[in-house]
Amino acid sequence: GGVKNIVEKVNDHSFYYLSRRDLKVTGFKHREFRTIVVWKKESENKLVVCYNDTDALDEEIPRDPHIVAASARTFWEYERLPEVGGIPRTRVKVVGRSDVG
């Protein structure tokens, strides 16, 4: 579960996201992901979001040597589809990789 989350706006299309996680496994240390999230509206019906590792927060928030640095990169694509029977629909594509140490 989430132990600590920090969000810091970069601009209107990105923010830094620090997420510390407890994997709930006896003997495992907490894992910390430091990511930059960037999004772009590609069309009226399509939005893409990318999560990628960053070290931009390291000076402001030094890394804790007791926490394992984790790594992840994910790409999300949201596409609005035509409604069916008055119900909105969205297609979501996700590609990702993760290394929790």
C-alpha atoms as a PDB file:
ATOM      1  CA  GLY A   1       0.000   0.000   0.000  1.00  0.00           C
ATOM      2  CA  GLY A   2       0.890   3.638  -0.295  1.00  0.00           C
ATOM      3  CA  VAL A   3       3.074   4.998   2.506  1.00  0.00           C
ATOM      4  CA  LYS A   4       3.881   8.428   1.083  1.00  0.00           C
ATOM      5  CA  ASN A   5       2.854  10.355  -2.033  1.00  0.00           C
ATOM      6  CA  ILE A   6       4.136  13.746  -3.184  1.00  0.00           C
ATOM      7  CA  VAL A   7       2.896  15.576  -6.273  1.00  0.00           C
ATOM      8  CA  GLU A   8       4.662  18.699  -7.566  1.00  0.00           C
ATOM      9  CA  LYS A   9       3.394  20.551 -10.635  1.00  0.00           C
ATOM     10  CA  VAL A  10       5.989  21.253 -13.344  1.00  0.00           C
ATOM     11  CA  ASN A  11       3.711  22.957 -15.878  1.00  0.00           C
ATOM     12  CA  ASP A  12       0.228  22.589 -17.409  1.00  0.00           C
ATOM     13  CA  HIS A  13       1.186  19.259 -18.997  1.00  0.00           C
ATOM     14  CA  SER A  14       3.428  17.580 -16.424  1.00  0.00           C
ATOM     15  CA  PHE A  15       4.115  16.946 -12.763  1.00  0.00           C
ATOM     16  CA  TYR A  16       6.582  15.071 -10.571  1.00  0.00           C
ATOM     17  CA  TYR A  17       5.179  12.139  -8.612  1.00  0.00           C
ATOM     18  CA  LEU A  18       7.021  10.509  -5.723  1.00  0.00           C
ATOM     19  CA  SER A  19       5.344   7.352  -4.460  1.00  0.00           C
ATOM     20  CA  ARG A  20       6.640   5.256  -1.573  1.00  0.00           C
ATOM     21  CA  ARG A  21       5.085   1.777  -1.338  1.00  0.00           C
ATOM     22  CA  ASP A  22       4.926  -0.966   1.253  1.00  0.00           C
ATOM     23  CA  LEU A  23       4.875  -4.248  -0.691  1.00  0.00           C
ATOM     24  CA  LYS A  24       3.457  -6.035   2.382  1.00  0.00           C
ATOM     25  CA  VAL A  25       6.104  -8.772   2.175  1.00  0.00           C
ATOM     26  CA  THR A  26       7.812  -9.663   5.441  1.00  0.00           C
ATOM     27  CA  GLY A  27      11.460  -8.579   5.360  1.00  0.00           C
ATOM     28  CA  PHE A  28      11.046  -6.321   2.297  1.00  0.00           C
ATOM     29  CA  LYS A  29      11.913  -2.643   2.608  1.00  0.00           C
ATOM     30  CA  HIS A  30       9.651   0.051   1.211  1.00  0.00           C
ATOM     31  CA  ARG A  31      10.022   0.850  -2.502  1.00  0.00           C
ATOM     32  CA  GLU A  32      10.106   4.388  -3.861  1.00  0.00           C
ATOM     33  CA  PHE A  33       9.194   5.474  -7.382  1.00  0.00           C
ATOM     34  CA  ARG A  34      10.217   8.969  -8.546  1.00  0.00           C
ATOM     35  CA  THR A  35       8.519   9.778 -11.811  1.00  0.00           C
ATOM     36  CA  ILE A  36       7.678  12.620 -14.106  1.00  0.00           C
ATOM     37  CA  VAL A  37       4.209  12.396 -15.617  1.00  0.00           C
ATOM     38  CA  VAL A  38       3.657  14.091 -18.975  1.00  0.00           C
ATOM     39  CA  TRP A  39       0.411  14.193 -20.931  1.00  0.00           C
ATOM     40  CA  LYS A  40      -0.713  15.442 -24.304  1.00  0.00           C
ATOM     41  CA  LYS A  41      -4.098  15.702 -25.939  1.00  0.00           C
ATOM     42  CA  GLU A  42      -3.447  14.322 -29.410  1.00  0.00           C
ATOM     43  CA  SER A  43      -6.934  14.936 -30.747  1.00  0.00           C
ATOM     44  CA  GLU A  44     -10.438  15.707 -29.550  1.00  0.00           C
ATOM     45  CA  ASN A  45     -10.832  12.019 -28.668  1.00  0.00           C
ATOM     46  CA  LYS A  46      -7.331  10.897 -27.700  1.00  0.00           C
ATOM     47  CA  LEU A  47      -5.077  11.600 -24.695  1.00  0.00           C
ATOM     48  CA  VAL A  48      -1.652  10.069 -24.021  1.00  0.00           C
ATOM     49  CA  VAL A  49       0.087   9.967 -20.635  1.00  0.00           C
ATOM     50  CA  CYS A  50       3.665   8.841 -19.984  1.00  0.00           C
ATOM     51  CA  TYR A  51       5.197   8.024 -16.582  1.00  0.00           C
ATOM     52  CA  ASN A  52       9.005   7.932 -16.604  1.00  0.00           C
ATOM     53  CA  ASP A  53      11.765   7.812 -13.963  1.00  0.00           C
ATOM     54  CA  THR A  54      13.331  11.104 -12.907  1.00  0.00           C
ATOM     55  CA  ASP A  55      16.007  12.308 -10.509  1.00  0.00           C
ATOM     56  CA  ALA A  56      14.675  15.886 -10.541  1.00  0.00           C
ATOM     57  CA  LEU A  57      13.428  15.616  -6.938  1.00  0.00           C
ATOM     58  CA  ASP A  58      16.705  14.288  -5.510  1.00  0.00           C
ATOM     59  CA  GLU A  59      18.054  17.665  -4.386  1.00  0.00           C
ATOM     60  CA  GLU A  60      14.785  18.848  -2.865  1.00  0.00           C
ATOM     61  CA  ILE A  61      13.942  15.456  -1.330  1.00  0.00           C
ATOM     62  CA  PRO A  62      17.141  13.430  -0.777  1.00  0.00           C
ATOM     63  CA  ARG A  63      16.851   9.683  -1.174  1.00  0.00           C
ATOM     64  CA  ASP A  64      16.563   7.635   2.010  1.00  0.00           C
ATOM     65  CA  PRO A  65      19.231   4.883   2.098  1.00  0.00           C
ATOM     66  CA  HIS A  66      16.742   2.620   3.912  1.00  0.00           C
ATOM     67  CA  ILE A  67      14.287   2.750   1.002  1.00  0.00           C
ATOM     68  CA  VAL A  68      14.815   0.715  -2.197  1.00  0.00           C
ATOM     69  CA  ALA A  69      14.708   2.827  -5.368  1.00  0.00           C
ATOM     70  CA  ALA A  70      12.210   1.283  -7.770  1.00  0.00           C
ATOM     71  CA  SER A  71      11.876   2.033 -11.467  1.00  0.00           C
ATOM     72  CA  ALA A  72       8.929   2.113 -13.835  1.00  0.00           C
ATOM     73  CA  ARG A  73       7.915   3.438 -17.217  1.00  0.00           C
ATOM     74  CA  THR A  74       4.325   3.304 -18.398  1.00  0.00           C
ATOM     75  CA  PHE A  75       2.502   4.694 -21.382  1.00  0.00           C
ATOM     76  CA  TRP A  76      -1.289   5.137 -21.339  1.00  0.00           C
ATOM     77  CA  GLU A  77      -3.463   5.999 -24.293  1.00  0.00           C
ATOM     78  CA  TYR A  78      -7.109   6.955 -23.714  1.00  0.00           C
ATOM     79  CA  GLU A  79      -9.440   7.094 -26.683  1.00  0.00           C
ATOM     80  CA  ARG A  80     -13.047   8.218 -26.470  1.00  0.00           C
ATOM     81  CA  LEU A  81     -15.360   5.847 -28.325  1.00  0.00           C
ATOM     82  CA  PRO A  82     -18.909   6.439 -29.522  1.00  0.00           C
ATOM     83  CA  GLU A  83     -21.570   5.976 -26.873  1.00  0.00           C
ATOM     84  CA  VAL A  84     -23.608   2.792 -26.933  1.00  0.00           C
ATOM     85  CA  GLY A  85     -27.132   3.076 -25.637  1.00  0.00           C
ATOM     86  CA  GLY A  86     -26.295   6.442 -24.076  1.00  0.00           C
ATOM     87  CA  ILE A  87     -23.342   4.990 -22.139  1.00  0.00           C
ATOM     88  CA  PRO A  88     -19.946   6.681 -22.663  1.00  0.00           C
ATOM     89  CA  ARG A  89     -17.031   4.388 -23.558  1.00  0.00           C
ATOM     90  CA  THR A  90     -13.255   4.732 -23.488  1.00  0.00           C
ATOM     91  CA  ARG A  91     -10.583   2.460 -24.922  1.00  0.00           C
ATOM     92  CA  VAL A  92      -7.426   2.299 -22.821  1.00  0.00           C
ATOM     93  CA  LYS A  93      -4.070   0.936 -23.990  1.00  0.00           C
ATOM     94  CA  VAL A  94      -1.278   0.449 -21.456  1.00  0.00           C
ATOM     95  CA  VAL A  95       2.345  -0.511 -22.019  1.00  0.00           C
ATOM     96  CA  GLY A  96       4.671  -0.658 -19.066  1.00  0.00           C
ATOM     97  CA  ARG A  97       7.681  -2.093 -17.343  1.00  0.00           C
ATOM     98  CA  SER A  98       8.641  -2.086 -13.705  1.00  0.00           C
ATOM     99  CA  ASP A  99      11.629  -3.034 -11.553  1.00  0.00           C
ATOM    100  CA  VAL A 100      10.900  -3.059  -7.836  1.00  0.00           C
ATOM    101  CA  GLY A 101      14.455  -4.005  -6.914  1.00  0.00           C
END
